[in-house]
Amino acid sequence: MKFFKIATVIIITLLITEIGGHLIYRWRDGQWLWQHRPTEVFSIRSFTEFVPDDRIITNRKAVFNKEYRFGFDLDRFRIGLNDYSTTSPTIV
């Protein structure tokens, strides 16, 4: 009988904790924990752009960003302050 009381208290405590956590999340973020967010938030910077394919965002062609001190050539490969080692193999 004592085991039944302890198990009941543990289950009730877990349920109260779970419900309390959901309510705190709802109060803090304005939506329920299980609600689906329709889109992700990406930081669009001066050297990126949206594209209508699976990549969603890619680098712009032929741009140099002074803030980040690097740029991209016409093929969208990174150029700038890159230090390459001649002794190690190139892996693409």
C-alpha atoms as a PDB file:
ATOM      1  CA  MET A   1       0.000   0.000   0.000  1.00  0.00           C
ATOM      2  CA  LYS A   2       2.898   2.337   0.804  1.00  0.00           C
ATOM      3  CA  PHE A   3       4.445   1.676  -2.638  1.00  0.00           C
ATOM      4  CA  PHE A   4       1.171   2.690  -4.317  1.00  0.00           C
ATOM      5  CA  LYS A   5       1.135   6.020  -2.438  1.00  0.00           C
ATOM      6  CA  ILE A   6       4.769   6.774  -3.331  1.00  0.00           C
ATOM      7  CA  ALA A   7       4.193   5.898  -7.003  1.00  0.00           C
ATOM      8  CA  THR A   8       1.081   8.096  -7.075  1.00  0.00           C
ATOM      9  CA  VAL A   9       2.953  11.059  -5.573  1.00  0.00           C
ATOM     10  CA  ILE A  10       5.798  10.645  -8.083  1.00  0.00           C
ATOM     11  CA  ILE A  11       3.402  10.492 -11.056  1.00  0.00           C
ATOM     12  CA  ILE A  12       1.433  13.537  -9.872  1.00  0.00           C
ATOM     13  CA  THR A  13       4.670  15.473  -9.301  1.00  0.00           C
ATOM     14  CA  LEU A  14       5.891  14.646 -12.806  1.00  0.00           C
ATOM     15  CA  LEU A  15       2.585  15.714 -14.360  1.00  0.00           C
ATOM     16  CA  ILE A  16       2.571  19.015 -12.447  1.00  0.00           C
ATOM     17  CA  THR A  17       6.172  19.670 -13.503  1.00  0.00           C
ATOM     18  CA  GLU A  18       5.369  18.911 -17.156  1.00  0.00           C
ATOM     19  CA  ILE A  19       2.293  21.135 -17.195  1.00  0.00           C
ATOM     20  CA  GLY A  20       4.177  23.903 -15.386  1.00  0.00           C
ATOM     21  CA  GLY A  21       6.996  23.750 -17.931  1.00  0.00           C
ATOM     22  CA  HIS A  22       4.550  24.068 -20.824  1.00  0.00           C
ATOM     23  CA  LEU A  23       2.807  27.009 -19.183  1.00  0.00           C
ATOM     24  CA  ILE A  24       6.117  28.802 -18.540  1.00  0.00           C
ATOM     25  CA  TYR A  25       7.149  28.253 -22.166  1.00  0.00           C
ATOM     26  CA  ARG A  26       3.772  29.579 -23.372  1.00  0.00           C
ATOM     27  CA  TRP A  27       4.088  32.654 -21.149  1.00  0.00           C
ATOM     28  CA  ARG A  28       7.689  33.338 -22.220  1.00  0.00           C
ATOM     29  CA  ASP A  29       7.493  32.659 -25.990  1.00  0.00           C
ATOM     30  CA  GLY A  30       3.814  33.316 -26.718  1.00  0.00           C
ATOM     31  CA  GLN A  31       3.108  29.908 -28.217  1.00  0.00           C
ATOM     32  CA  TRP A  32       2.831  26.326 -27.072  1.00  0.00           C
ATOM     33  CA  LEU A  33       5.879  24.087 -27.114  1.00  0.00           C
ATOM     34  CA  TRP A  34       4.322  21.676 -29.622  1.00  0.00           C
ATOM     35  CA  GLN A  35       3.237  24.351 -32.137  1.00  0.00           C
ATOM     36  CA  HIS A  36       5.101  24.113 -35.426  1.00  0.00           C
ATOM     37  CA  ARG A  37       7.100  27.121 -36.512  1.00  0.00           C
ATOM     38  CA  PRO A  38       6.490  27.565 -40.257  1.00  0.00           C
ATOM     39  CA  THR A  39       9.859  29.018 -41.224  1.00  0.00           C
ATOM     40  CA  GLU A  40      13.352  29.216 -39.903  1.00  0.00           C
ATOM     41  CA  VAL A  41      15.037  32.552 -39.363  1.00  0.00           C
ATOM     42  CA  PHE A  42      18.185  33.134 -41.398  1.00  0.00           C
ATOM     43  CA  SER A  43      20.491  36.095 -41.100  1.00  0.00           C
ATOM     44  CA  ILE A  44      20.683  37.716 -44.515  1.00  0.00           C
ATOM     45  CA  ARG A  45      23.937  39.605 -44.817  1.00  0.00           C
ATOM     46  CA  SER A  46      25.251  41.816 -47.561  1.00  0.00           C
ATOM     47  CA  PHE A  47      27.092  38.905 -49.206  1.00  0.00           C
ATOM     48  CA  THR A  48      24.140  36.434 -49.266  1.00  0.00           C
ATOM     49  CA  GLU A  49      20.905  36.209 -51.256  1.00  0.00           C
ATOM     50  CA  PHE A  50      17.761  34.083 -51.423  1.00  0.00           C
ATOM     51  CA  VAL A  51      17.505  31.458 -54.169  1.00  0.00           C
ATOM     52  CA  PRO A  52      14.376  29.519 -55.228  1.00  0.00           C
ATOM     53  CA  ASP A  53      15.772  26.026 -54.651  1.00  0.00           C
ATOM     54  CA  ASP A  54      16.642  23.707 -51.765  1.00  0.00           C
ATOM     55  CA  ARG A  55      19.610  25.831 -50.687  1.00  0.00           C
ATOM     56  CA  ILE A  56      17.311  28.756 -49.712  1.00  0.00           C
ATOM     57  CA  ILE A  57      20.319  31.073 -49.240  1.00  0.00           C
ATOM     58  CA  THR A  58      23.602  31.256 -51.127  1.00  0.00           C
ATOM     59  CA  ASN A  59      26.546  33.603 -51.543  1.00  0.00           C
ATOM     60  CA  ARG A  60      26.377  36.435 -54.053  1.00  0.00           C
ATOM     61  CA  LYS A  61      28.597  36.426 -57.106  1.00  0.00           C
ATOM     62  CA  ALA A  62      31.609  38.748 -57.320  1.00  0.00           C
ATOM     63  CA  VAL A  63      31.179  40.522 -53.999  1.00  0.00           C
ATOM     64  CA  PHE A  64      33.684  41.565 -51.343  1.00  0.00           C
ATOM     65  CA  ASN A  65      32.595  42.316 -47.781  1.00  0.00           C
ATOM     66  CA  LYS A  66      34.827  44.713 -45.854  1.00  0.00           C
ATOM     67  CA  GLU A  67      33.184  43.916 -42.512  1.00  0.00           C
ATOM     68  CA  TYR A  68      34.052  40.208 -42.692  1.00  0.00           C
ATOM     69  CA  ARG A  69      37.195  40.751 -44.842  1.00  0.00           C
ATOM     70  CA  PHE A  70      36.456  38.169 -47.511  1.00  0.00           C
ATOM     71  CA  GLY A  71      34.586  37.927 -50.788  1.00  0.00           C
ATOM     72  CA  PHE A  72      33.336  35.588 -53.476  1.00  0.00           C
ATOM     73  CA  ASP A  73      34.337  35.281 -57.124  1.00  0.00           C
ATOM     74  CA  LEU A  74      32.023  34.773 -60.134  1.00  0.00           C
ATOM     75  CA  ASP A  75      31.651  31.073 -59.263  1.00  0.00           C
ATOM     76  CA  ARG A  76      30.746  31.895 -55.636  1.00  0.00           C
ATOM     77  CA  PHE A  77      34.038  30.512 -54.300  1.00  0.00           C
ATOM     78  CA  ARG A  78      35.501  32.370 -51.369  1.00  0.00           C
ATOM     79  CA  ILE A  79      38.411  34.720 -52.043  1.00  0.00           C
ATOM     80  CA  GLY A  80      40.372  36.987 -49.785  1.00  0.00           C
ATOM     81  CA  LEU A  81      42.456  36.389 -46.701  1.00  0.00           C
ATOM     82  CA  ASN A  82      42.705  32.644 -47.082  1.00  0.00           C
ATOM     83  CA  ASP A  83      45.905  30.955 -45.948  1.00  0.00           C
ATOM     84  CA  TYR A  84      46.364  27.665 -47.772  1.00  0.00           C
ATOM     85  CA  SER A  85      48.861  25.023 -46.790  1.00  0.00           C
ATOM     86  CA  THR A  86      50.872  23.633 -49.674  1.00  0.00           C
ATOM     87  CA  THR A  87      51.888  20.549 -47.693  1.00  0.00           C
ATOM     88  CA  SER A  88      48.389  19.212 -46.976  1.00  0.00           C
ATOM     89  CA  PRO A  89      46.045  17.720 -49.592  1.00  0.00           C
ATOM     90  CA  THR A  90      43.089  19.697 -50.906  1.00  0.00           C
ATOM     91  CA  ILE A  91      39.732  18.213 -49.980  1.00  0.00           C
ATOM     92  CA  VAL A  92      36.613  19.512 -51.689  1.00  0.00           C
END
